[in-house]
Amino acid sequence: MNQMDVHEKVLEIIAQEIDVPVADLSGDQHFRALPNVDSMRVLQVILKTEKAFDIEIEDDVTFRIQTVGEFQKLVAELCRQRAAA
């Protein structure tokens, strides 16, 4: 799975969880400012992302993520690391 595929899949997971169209999401949006987002939804996005990509996202890293794009980059990097292992 290439980086673009990872970014698209992450957007799909976020859109599904917060019930908005993928087209309404962009990389520069602040994650916690998205519509319908609360701490439980953030947790659900993280759990679904971990399961979809077979990765583990550390809690401390999760709290530093500010934008959708940062989350996409994090997931892509974790997938790259997993593939290289």
PDB file of N, CA and C in Angstrom:
ATOM      1  N   MET A   1       0.853  -1.173   0.000  1.00  0.00           N
ATOM      2  CA  MET A   1       0.000   0.000   0.000  1.00  0.00           C
ATOM      3  C   MET A   1       0.898   1.235   0.000  1.00  0.00           C
ATOM      4  N   ASN A   2       0.720   2.110  -0.984  1.00  0.00           N
ATOM      5  CA  ASN A   2       1.563   3.296  -1.049  1.00  0.00           C
ATOM      6  C   ASN A   2       1.018   4.414  -0.154  1.00  0.00           C
ATOM      7  N   GLN A   3       1.787   5.484  -0.036  1.00  0.00           N
ATOM      8  CA  GLN A   3       1.432   6.570   0.875  1.00  0.00           C
ATOM      9  C   GLN A   3       0.084   7.199   0.509  1.00  0.00           C
ATOM     10  N   MET A   4      -0.195   7.352  -0.782  1.00  0.00           N
ATOM     11  CA  MET A   4      -1.467   7.951  -1.206  1.00  0.00           C
ATOM     12  C   MET A   4      -2.640   7.054  -0.784  1.00  0.00           C
ATOM     13  N   ASP A   5      -2.474   5.742  -0.939  1.00  0.00           N
ATOM     14  CA  ASP A   5      -3.517   4.807  -0.516  1.00  0.00           C
ATOM     15  C   ASP A   5      -3.754   4.900   0.989  1.00  0.00           C
ATOM     16  N   VAL A   6      -2.671   5.012   1.748  1.00  0.00           N
ATOM     17  CA  VAL A   6      -2.784   5.132   3.201  1.00  0.00           C
ATOM     18  C   VAL A   6      -3.544   6.405   3.545  1.00  0.00           C
ATOM     19  N   HIS A   7      -3.168   7.517   2.916  1.00  0.00           N
ATOM     20  CA  HIS A   7      -3.837   8.794   3.202  1.00  0.00           C
ATOM     21  C   HIS A   7      -5.333   8.715   2.894  1.00  0.00           C
ATOM     22  N   GLU A   8      -5.675   8.104   1.759  1.00  0.00           N
ATOM     23  CA  GLU A   8      -7.093   7.978   1.384  1.00  0.00           C
ATOM     24  C   GLU A   8      -7.852   7.089   2.368  1.00  0.00           C
ATOM     25  N   LYS A   9      -7.256   5.973   2.753  1.00  0.00           N
ATOM     26  CA  LYS A   9      -7.907   5.055   3.701  1.00  0.00           C
ATOM     27  C   LYS A   9      -8.116   5.730   5.048  1.00  0.00           C
ATOM     28  N   VAL A  10      -7.141   6.513   5.511  1.00  0.00           N
ATOM     29  CA  VAL A  10      -7.284   7.243   6.771  1.00  0.00           C
ATOM     30  C   VAL A  10      -8.458   8.215   6.667  1.00  0.00           C
ATOM     31  N   LEU A  11      -8.560   8.932   5.556  1.00  0.00           N
ATOM     32  CA  LEU A  11      -9.687   9.856   5.372  1.00  0.00           C
ATOM     33  C   LEU A  11     -11.017   9.106   5.398  1.00  0.00           C
ATOM     34  N   GLU A  12     -11.054   7.930   4.770  1.00  0.00           N
ATOM     35  CA  GLU A  12     -12.285   7.127   4.767  1.00  0.00           C
ATOM     36  C   GLU A  12     -12.677   6.718   6.187  1.00  0.00           C
ATOM     37  N   ILE A  13     -11.710   6.316   6.976  1.00  0.00           N
ATOM     38  CA  ILE A  13     -11.986   5.910   8.358  1.00  0.00           C
ATOM     39  C   ILE A  13     -12.517   7.093   9.157  1.00  0.00           C
ATOM     40  N   ILE A  14     -11.866   8.236   9.037  1.00  0.00           N
ATOM     41  CA  ILE A  14     -12.309   9.428   9.767  1.00  0.00           C
ATOM     42  C   ILE A  14     -13.714   9.819   9.320  1.00  0.00           C
ATOM     43  N   ALA A  15     -13.939   9.879   8.021  1.00  0.00           N
ATOM     44  CA  ALA A  15     -15.242  10.279   7.487  1.00  0.00           C
ATOM     45  C   ALA A  15     -16.349   9.350   7.963  1.00  0.00           C
ATOM     46  N   GLN A  16     -16.079   8.063   7.949  1.00  0.00           N
ATOM     47  CA  GLN A  16     -17.075   7.088   8.391  1.00  0.00           C
ATOM     48  C   GLN A  16     -17.391   7.285   9.872  1.00  0.00           C
ATOM     49  N   GLU A  17     -16.362   7.481  10.680  1.00  0.00           N
ATOM     50  CA  GLU A  17     -16.565   7.577  12.118  1.00  0.00           C
ATOM     51  C   GLU A  17     -17.288   8.860  12.524  1.00  0.00           C
ATOM     52  N   ILE A  18     -17.001   9.970  11.845  1.00  0.00           N
ATOM     53  CA  ILE A  18     -17.651  11.232  12.246  1.00  0.00           C
ATOM     54  C   ILE A  18     -18.839  11.569  11.350  1.00  0.00           C
ATOM     55  N   ASP A  19     -19.141  10.682  10.419  1.00  0.00           N
ATOM     56  CA  ASP A  19     -20.324  10.800   9.565  1.00  0.00           C
ATOM     57  C   ASP A  19     -20.319  12.073   8.718  1.00  0.00           C
ATOM     58  N   VAL A  20     -19.213  12.263   7.992  1.00  0.00           N
ATOM     59  CA  VAL A  20     -19.124  13.357   7.023  1.00  0.00           C
ATOM     60  C   VAL A  20     -18.565  12.790   5.723  1.00  0.00           C
ATOM     61  N   PRO A  21     -18.837  13.443   4.596  1.00  0.00           N
ATOM     62  CA  PRO A  21     -18.251  12.976   3.336  1.00  0.00           C
ATOM     63  C   PRO A  21     -16.733  13.147   3.330  1.00  0.00           C
ATOM     64  N   VAL A  22     -16.038  12.223   2.700  1.00  0.00           N
ATOM     65  CA  VAL A  22     -14.581  12.302   2.592  1.00  0.00           C
ATOM     66  C   VAL A  22     -14.181  13.630   1.952  1.00  0.00           C
ATOM     67  N   ALA A  23     -14.976  14.095   0.997  1.00  0.00           N
ATOM     68  CA  ALA A  23     -14.665  15.348   0.296  1.00  0.00           C
ATOM     69  C   ALA A  23     -14.641  16.550   1.235  1.00  0.00           C
ATOM     70  N   ASP A  24     -15.273  16.438   2.399  1.00  0.00           N
ATOM     71  CA  ASP A  24     -15.300  17.541   3.364  1.00  0.00           C
ATOM     72  C   ASP A  24     -14.063  17.572   4.260  1.00  0.00           C
ATOM     73  N   LEU A  25     -13.175  16.605   4.098  1.00  0.00           N
ATOM     74  CA  LEU A  25     -11.978  16.525   4.935  1.00  0.00           C
ATOM     75  C   LEU A  25     -10.753  16.966   4.158  1.00  0.00           C
ATOM     76  N   SER A  26      -9.833  17.638   4.867  1.00  0.00           N
ATOM     77  CA  SER A  26      -8.558  18.020   4.255  1.00  0.00           C
ATOM     78  C   SER A  26      -7.451  17.879   5.290  1.00  0.00           C
ATOM     79  N   GLY A  27      -6.245  17.780   4.815  1.00  0.00           N
ATOM     80  CA  GLY A  27      -5.102  17.550   5.678  1.00  0.00           C
ATOM     81  C   GLY A  27      -4.818  18.663   6.662  1.00  0.00           C
ATOM     82  N   ASP A  28      -5.227  19.889   6.348  1.00  0.00           N
ATOM     83  CA  ASP A  28      -4.917  21.008   7.238  1.00  0.00           C
ATOM     84  C   ASP A  28      -5.982  21.254   8.311  1.00  0.00           C
ATOM     85  N   GLN A  29      -7.041  20.468   8.307  1.00  0.00           N
ATOM     86  CA  GLN A  29      -8.088  20.637   9.326  1.00  0.00           C
ATOM     87  C   GLN A  29      -7.600  20.119  10.671  1.00  0.00           C
ATOM     88  N   HIS A  30      -7.917  20.872  11.707  1.00  0.00           N
ATOM     89  CA  HIS A  30      -7.587  20.421  13.054  1.00  0.00           C
ATOM     90  C   HIS A  30      -8.502  19.257  13.407  1.00  0.00           C
ATOM     91  N   PHE A  31      -7.883  18.170  13.785  1.00  0.00           N
ATOM     92  CA  PHE A  31      -8.578  16.905  14.022  1.00  0.00           C
ATOM     93  C   PHE A  31      -9.739  17.055  15.001  1.00  0.00           C
ATOM     94  N   ARG A  32      -9.475  17.666  16.138  1.00  0.00           N
ATOM     95  CA  ARG A  32     -10.488  17.753  17.180  1.00  0.00           C
ATOM     96  C   ARG A  32     -11.506  18.867  16.948  1.00  0.00           C
ATOM     97  N   ALA A  33     -11.324  19.637  15.876  1.00  0.00           N
ATOM     98  CA  ALA A  33     -12.288  20.682  15.523  1.00  0.00           C
ATOM     99  C   ALA A  33     -13.262  20.212  14.435  1.00  0.00           C
ATOM    100  N   LEU A  34     -13.110  18.976  13.998  1.00  0.00           N
ATOM    101  CA  LEU A  34     -14.009  18.436  12.973  1.00  0.00           C
ATOM    102  C   LEU A  34     -15.414  18.268  13.542  1.00  0.00           C
ATOM    103  N   PRO A  35     -16.419  18.307  12.680  1.00  0.00           N
ATOM    104  CA  PRO A  35     -17.788  18.111  13.174  1.00  0.00           C
ATOM    105  C   PRO A  35     -17.957  16.733  13.816  1.00  0.00           C
ATOM    106  N   ASN A  36     -18.755  16.669  14.843  1.00  0.00           N
ATOM    107  CA  ASN A  36     -19.099  15.419  15.529  1.00  0.00           C
ATOM    108  C   ASN A  36     -17.929  14.749  16.236  1.00  0.00           C
ATOM    109  N   VAL A  37     -16.811  15.451  16.436  1.00  0.00           N
ATOM    110  CA  VAL A  37     -15.648  14.834  17.072  1.00  0.00           C
ATOM    111  C   VAL A  37     -15.657  15.115  18.569  1.00  0.00           C
ATOM    112  N   ASP A  38     -15.526  14.041  19.327  1.00  0.00           N
ATOM    113  CA  ASP A  38     -15.304  14.127  20.765  1.00  0.00           C
ATOM    114  C   ASP A  38     -14.247  13.081  21.102  1.00  0.00           C
ATOM    115  N   SER A  39     -13.893  12.966  22.350  1.00  0.00           N
ATOM    116  CA  SER A  39     -12.800  12.061  22.715  1.00  0.00           C
ATOM    117  C   SER A  39     -13.112  10.609  22.361  1.00  0.00           C
ATOM    118  N   MET A  40     -14.351  10.203  22.463  1.00  0.00           N
ATOM    119  CA  MET A  40     -14.705   8.824  22.114  1.00  0.00           C
ATOM    120  C   MET A  40     -14.557   8.571  20.615  1.00  0.00           C
ATOM    121  N   ARG A  41     -14.924   9.543  19.818  1.00  0.00           N
ATOM    122  CA  ARG A  41     -14.786   9.376  18.366  1.00  0.00           C
ATOM    123  C   ARG A  41     -13.321   9.344  17.959  1.00  0.00           C
ATOM    124  N   VAL A  42     -12.511  10.173  18.616  1.00  0.00           N
ATOM    125  CA  VAL A  42     -11.072  10.155  18.338  1.00  0.00           C
ATOM    126  C   VAL A  42     -10.525   8.766  18.645  1.00  0.00           C
ATOM    127  N   LEU A  43     -10.915   8.223  19.785  1.00  0.00           N
ATOM    128  CA  LEU A  43     -10.469   6.883  20.159  1.00  0.00           C
ATOM    129  C   LEU A  43     -10.928   5.849  19.133  1.00  0.00           C
ATOM    130  N   GLN A  44     -12.157   5.953  18.673  1.00  0.00           N
ATOM    131  CA  GLN A  44     -12.675   5.012  17.669  1.00  0.00           C
ATOM    132  C   GLN A  44     -11.890   5.118  16.364  1.00  0.00           C
ATOM    133  N   VAL A  45     -11.571   6.348  15.950  1.00  0.00           N
ATOM    134  CA  VAL A  45     -10.780   6.535  14.733  1.00  0.00           C
ATOM    135  C   VAL A  45      -9.425   5.854  14.888  1.00  0.00           C
ATOM    136  N   ILE A  46      -8.799   6.052  16.035  1.00  0.00           N
ATOM    137  CA  ILE A  46      -7.487   5.460  16.279  1.00  0.00           C
ATOM    138  C   ILE A  46      -7.577   3.935  16.268  1.00  0.00           C
ATOM    139  N   LEU A  47      -8.552   3.386  16.974  1.00  0.00           N
ATOM    140  CA  LEU A  47      -8.699   1.930  17.026  1.00  0.00           C
ATOM    141  C   LEU A  47      -8.971   1.335  15.648  1.00  0.00           C
ATOM    142  N   LYS A  48      -9.860   1.965  14.881  1.00  0.00           N
ATOM    143  CA  LYS A  48     -10.165   1.459  13.540  1.00  0.00           C
ATOM    144  C   LYS A  48      -8.956   1.579  12.619  1.00  0.00           C
ATOM    145  N   THR A  49      -8.183   2.650  12.791  1.00  0.00           N
ATOM    146  CA  THR A  49      -6.990   2.839  11.976  1.00  0.00           C
ATOM    147  C   THR A  49      -5.946   1.782  12.311  1.00  0.00           C
ATOM    148  N   GLU A  50      -5.745   1.540  13.603  1.00  0.00           N
ATOM    149  CA  GLU A  50      -4.797   0.504  14.019  1.00  0.00           C
ATOM    150  C   GLU A  50      -5.184  -0.851  13.436  1.00  0.00           C
ATOM    151  N   LYS A  51      -6.457  -1.168  13.502  1.00  0.00           N
ATOM    152  CA  LYS A  51      -6.928  -2.460  13.000  1.00  0.00           C
ATOM    153  C   LYS A  51      -6.789  -2.544  11.475  1.00  0.00           C
ATOM    154  N   ALA A  52      -7.154  -1.471  10.786  1.00  0.00           N
ATOM    155  CA  ALA A  52      -7.115  -1.473   9.321  1.00  0.00           C
ATOM    156  C   ALA A  52      -5.704  -1.647   8.778  1.00  0.00           C
ATOM    157  N   PHE A  53      -4.710  -1.078   9.481  1.00  0.00           N
ATOM    158  CA  PHE A  53      -3.339  -1.103   8.983  1.00  0.00           C
ATOM    159  C   PHE A  53      -2.428  -2.046   9.766  1.00  0.00           C
ATOM    160  N   ASP A  54      -2.972  -2.712  10.783  1.00  0.00           N
ATOM    161  CA  ASP A  54      -2.196  -3.615  11.626  1.00  0.00           C
ATOM    162  C   ASP A  54      -0.970  -2.894  12.207  1.00  0.00           C
ATOM    163  N   ILE A  55      -1.251  -1.735  12.830  1.00  0.00           N
ATOM    164  CA  ILE A  55      -0.204  -0.927  13.465  1.00  0.00           C
ATOM    165  C   ILE A  55      -0.639  -0.590  14.886  1.00  0.00           C
ATOM    166  N   GLU A  56       0.300  -0.055  15.663  1.00  0.00           N
ATOM    167  CA  GLU A  56      -0.030   0.424  17.004  1.00  0.00           C
ATOM    168  C   GLU A  56       0.398   1.877  17.103  1.00  0.00           C
ATOM    169  N   ILE A  57      -0.558   2.720  17.485  1.00  0.00           N
ATOM    170  CA  ILE A  57      -0.294   4.151  17.631  1.00  0.00           C
ATOM    171  C   ILE A  57      -0.138   4.439  19.112  1.00  0.00           C
ATOM    172  N   GLU A  58       1.038   4.913  19.495  1.00  0.00           N
ATOM    173  CA  GLU A  58       1.327   5.192  20.901  1.00  0.00           C
ATOM    174  C   GLU A  58       0.445   6.328  21.422  1.00  0.00           C
ATOM    175  N   ASP A  59       0.017   6.210  22.678  1.00  0.00           N
ATOM    176  CA  ASP A  59      -0.863   7.211  23.281  1.00  0.00           C
ATOM    177  C   ASP A  59      -0.254   8.603  23.274  1.00  0.00           C
ATOM    178  N   ASP A  60       1.027   8.719  23.636  1.00  0.00           N
ATOM    179  CA  ASP A  60       1.643  10.037  23.707  1.00  0.00           C
ATOM    180  C   ASP A  60       1.701  10.701  22.337  1.00  0.00           C
ATOM    181  N   VAL A  61       1.885   9.915  21.288  1.00  0.00           N
ATOM    182  CA  VAL A  61       1.906  10.458  19.930  1.00  0.00           C
ATOM    183  C   VAL A  61       0.513  10.943  19.546  1.00  0.00           C
ATOM    184  N   THR A  62      -0.490  10.191  19.926  1.00  0.00           N
ATOM    185  CA  THR A  62      -1.869  10.538  19.616  1.00  0.00           C
ATOM    186  C   THR A  62      -2.224  11.922  20.141  1.00  0.00           C
ATOM    187  N   PHE A  63      -1.781  12.237  21.336  1.00  0.00           N
ATOM    188  CA  PHE A  63      -2.138  13.514  21.935  1.00  0.00           C
ATOM    189  C   PHE A  63      -1.406  14.686  21.294  1.00  0.00           C
ATOM    190  N   ARG A  64      -0.307  14.414  20.589  1.00  0.00           N
ATOM    191  CA  ARG A  64       0.430  15.489  19.914  1.00  0.00           C
ATOM    192  C   ARG A  64      -0.128  15.801  18.529  1.00  0.00           C
ATOM    193  N   ILE A  65      -0.896  14.906  17.971  1.00  0.00           N
ATOM    194  CA  ILE A  65      -1.438  15.099  16.624  1.00  0.00           C
ATOM    195  C   ILE A  65      -2.438  16.252  16.641  1.00  0.00           C
ATOM    196  N   GLN A  66      -2.255  17.190  15.730  1.00  0.00           N
ATOM    197  CA  GLN A  66      -3.149  18.346  15.662  1.00  0.00           C
ATOM    198  C   GLN A  66      -4.076  18.306  14.441  1.00  0.00           C
ATOM    199  N   THR A  67      -3.551  17.901  13.296  1.00  0.00           N
ATOM    200  CA  THR A  67      -4.337  17.979  12.065  1.00  0.00           C
ATOM    201  C   THR A  67      -4.553  16.600  11.444  1.00  0.00           C
ATOM    202  N   VAL A  68      -5.508  16.549  10.557  1.00  0.00           N
ATOM    203  CA  VAL A  68      -5.785  15.323   9.809  1.00  0.00           C
ATOM    204  C   VAL A  68      -4.533  14.904   9.038  1.00  0.00           C
ATOM    205  N   GLY A  69      -3.845  15.861   8.448  1.00  0.00           N
ATOM    206  CA  GLY A  69      -2.631  15.566   7.686  1.00  0.00           C
ATOM    207  C   GLY A  69      -1.531  14.969   8.545  1.00  0.00           C
ATOM    208  N   GLU A  70      -1.363  15.475   9.765  1.00  0.00           N
ATOM    209  CA  GLU A  70      -0.367  14.911  10.672  1.00  0.00           C
ATOM    210  C   GLU A  70      -0.710  13.461  11.006  1.00  0.00           C
ATOM    211  N   PHE A  71      -1.997  13.181  11.191  1.00  0.00           N
ATOM    212  CA  PHE A  71      -2.434  11.818  11.476  1.00  0.00           C
ATOM    213  C   PHE A  71      -2.150  10.919  10.273  1.00  0.00           C
ATOM    214  N   GLN A  72      -2.435  11.416   9.077  1.00  0.00           N
ATOM    215  CA  GLN A  72      -2.163  10.641   7.864  1.00  0.00           C
ATOM    216  C   GLN A  72      -0.671  10.328   7.752  1.00  0.00           C
ATOM    217  N   LYS A  73       0.176  11.316   7.987  1.00  0.00           N
ATOM    218  CA  LYS A  73       1.625  11.112   7.903  1.00  0.00           C
ATOM    219  C   LYS A  73       2.102  10.109   8.946  1.00  0.00           C
ATOM    220  N   LEU A  74       1.545  10.194  10.158  1.00  0.00           N
ATOM    221  CA  LEU A  74       1.903   9.256  11.215  1.00  0.00           C
ATOM    222  C   LEU A  74       1.568   7.827  10.794  1.00  0.00           C
ATOM    223  N   VAL A  75       0.363   7.627  10.305  1.00  0.00           N
ATOM    224  CA  VAL A  75      -0.066   6.286   9.895  1.00  0.00           C
ATOM    225  C   VAL A  75       0.810   5.786   8.747  1.00  0.00           C
ATOM    226  N   ALA A  76       1.100   6.640   7.772  1.00  0.00           N
ATOM    227  CA  ALA A  76       1.944   6.239   6.649  1.00  0.00           C
ATOM    228  C   ALA A  76       3.336   5.847   7.134  1.00  0.00           C
ATOM    229  N   GLU A  77       3.887   6.593   8.063  1.00  0.00           N
ATOM    230  CA  GLU A  77       5.226   6.272   8.599  1.00  0.00           C
ATOM    231  C   GLU A  77       5.203   4.956   9.378  1.00  0.00           C
ATOM    232  N   LEU A  78       4.168   4.736  10.182  1.00  0.00           N
ATOM    233  CA  LEU A  78       4.069   3.475  10.928  1.00  0.00           C
ATOM    234  C   LEU A  78       3.908   2.295   9.967  1.00  0.00           C
ATOM    235  N   CYS A  79       3.174   2.478   8.893  1.00  0.00           N
ATOM    236  CA  CYS A  79       3.028   1.417   7.898  1.00  0.00           C
ATOM    237  C   CYS A  79       4.356   1.142   7.206  1.00  0.00           C
ATOM    238  N   ARG A  80       5.106   2.201   6.910  1.00  0.00           N
ATOM    239  CA  ARG A  80       6.421   2.051   6.276  1.00  0.00           C
ATOM    240  C   ARG A  80       7.366   1.285   7.204  1.00  0.00           C
ATOM    241  N   GLN A  81       7.349   1.648   8.489  1.00  0.00           N
ATOM    242  CA  GLN A  81       8.205   0.965   9.466  1.00  0.00           C
ATOM    243  C   GLN A  81       7.843  -0.505   9.585  1.00  0.00           C
ATOM    244  N   ARG A  82       6.549  -0.791   9.607  1.00  0.00           N
ATOM    245  CA  ARG A  82       6.101  -2.176   9.716  1.00  0.00           C
ATOM    246  C   ARG A  82       6.526  -2.980   8.504  1.00  0.00           C
ATOM    247  N   ALA A  83       6.424  -2.378   7.315  1.00  0.00           N
ATOM    248  CA  ALA A  83       6.800  -3.063   6.078  1.00  0.00           C
ATOM    249  C   ALA A  83       8.311  -3.328   6.026  1.00  0.00           C
ATOM    250  N   ALA A  84       9.081  -2.433   6.609  1.00  0.00           N
ATOM    251  CA  ALA A  84      10.535  -2.565   6.590  1.00  0.00           C
ATOM    252  C   ALA A  84      11.049  -3.557   7.636  1.00  0.00           C
ATOM    253  N   ALA A  85      10.218  -3.875   8.617  1.00  0.00           N
ATOM    254  CA  ALA A  85      10.655  -4.771   9.705  1.00  0.00           C
ATOM    255  C   ALA A  85      10.717  -6.221   9.277  1.00  0.00           C
TER     256      ALA A  85
END
